Amino acid sequence: MEPNAVYEYLVKNSINAKKLTFKGFGASKPIADNKSESGRKNNRRTSFVITKI
């Protein structure tokens, strides 16, 4: 999955692009070991941080 796939989805579904940013970390910040399929599955994720409401 492209790092900006969730960003593009949100923009296509009426979320203002000026209110969004994204940053892909790839293999630099894994939460699980990449040696197994289950570990790689856990590392394929998207995280959100709400900075202002």
Protein backbone atom coordinates (compact mmCIF):
# COMPACT_ATOMS: atom_id res chain seq x y z
CA MET A 1 0.00 0.00 0.00
CA GLU A 2 1.24 3.44 -0.85
CA PRO A 3 1.94 5.67 2.18
CA ASN A 4 -0.55 8.21 0.91
CA ALA A 5 -3.38 5.75 0.12
CA VAL A 6 -5.40 6.63 3.24
CA TYR A 7 -4.79 10.35 2.58
CA GLU A 8 -6.09 10.02 -0.97
CA TYR A 9 -9.11 8.03 0.21
CA LEU A 10 -10.04 10.72 2.74
CA VAL A 11 -9.65 13.51 0.18
CA LYS A 12 -11.81 11.61 -2.33
CA ASN A 13 -14.46 11.30 0.39
CA SER A 14 -14.81 15.04 1.04
CA ILE A 15 -12.13 15.66 3.67
CA ASN A 16 -10.35 18.96 2.99
CA ALA A 17 -6.78 18.17 1.85
CA LYS A 18 -5.49 21.33 3.54
CA LYS A 19 -6.39 19.78 6.89
CA LEU A 20 -4.41 16.57 6.29
CA THR A 21 -0.78 15.56 6.17
CA PHE A 22 0.83 12.13 5.95
CA LYS A 23 4.21 10.61 6.53
CA GLY A 24 5.19 7.06 5.63
CA PHE A 25 7.66 5.30 7.92
CA GLY A 26 7.94 2.01 6.08
CA ALA A 27 10.35 -0.32 7.82
CA SER A 28 11.87 2.42 10.00
CA LYS A 29 9.30 2.14 12.83
CA PRO A 30 7.98 -1.44 13.00
CA ILE A 31 5.83 -2.52 15.96
CA ALA A 32 6.49 -6.23 15.33
CA ASP A 33 9.23 -8.44 13.90
CA ASN A 34 9.26 -8.52 10.09
CA LYS A 35 10.61 -12.10 10.02
CA SER A 36 7.11 -13.64 10.07
CA GLU A 37 3.95 -13.01 8.06
CA SER A 38 2.02 -12.14 11.22
CA GLY A 39 4.68 -9.59 12.19
CA ARG A 40 4.63 -8.01 8.73
CA LYS A 41 0.83 -7.92 8.88
CA ASN A 42 0.99 -6.01 12.17
CA ASN A 43 3.41 -3.52 10.65
CA ARG A 44 1.02 -2.64 7.81
CA ARG A 45 -0.96 0.03 9.58
CA THR A 46 -2.10 3.62 9.47
CA SER A 47 -2.00 5.85 12.53
CA PHE A 48 -3.81 9.13 13.05
CA VAL A 49 -3.01 12.02 15.33
CA ILE A 50 -5.69 14.65 15.87
CA THR A 51 -3.92 17.95 16.36
CA LYS A 52 -6.88 20.31 16.51
CA ILE A 53 -10.65 20.03 16.58
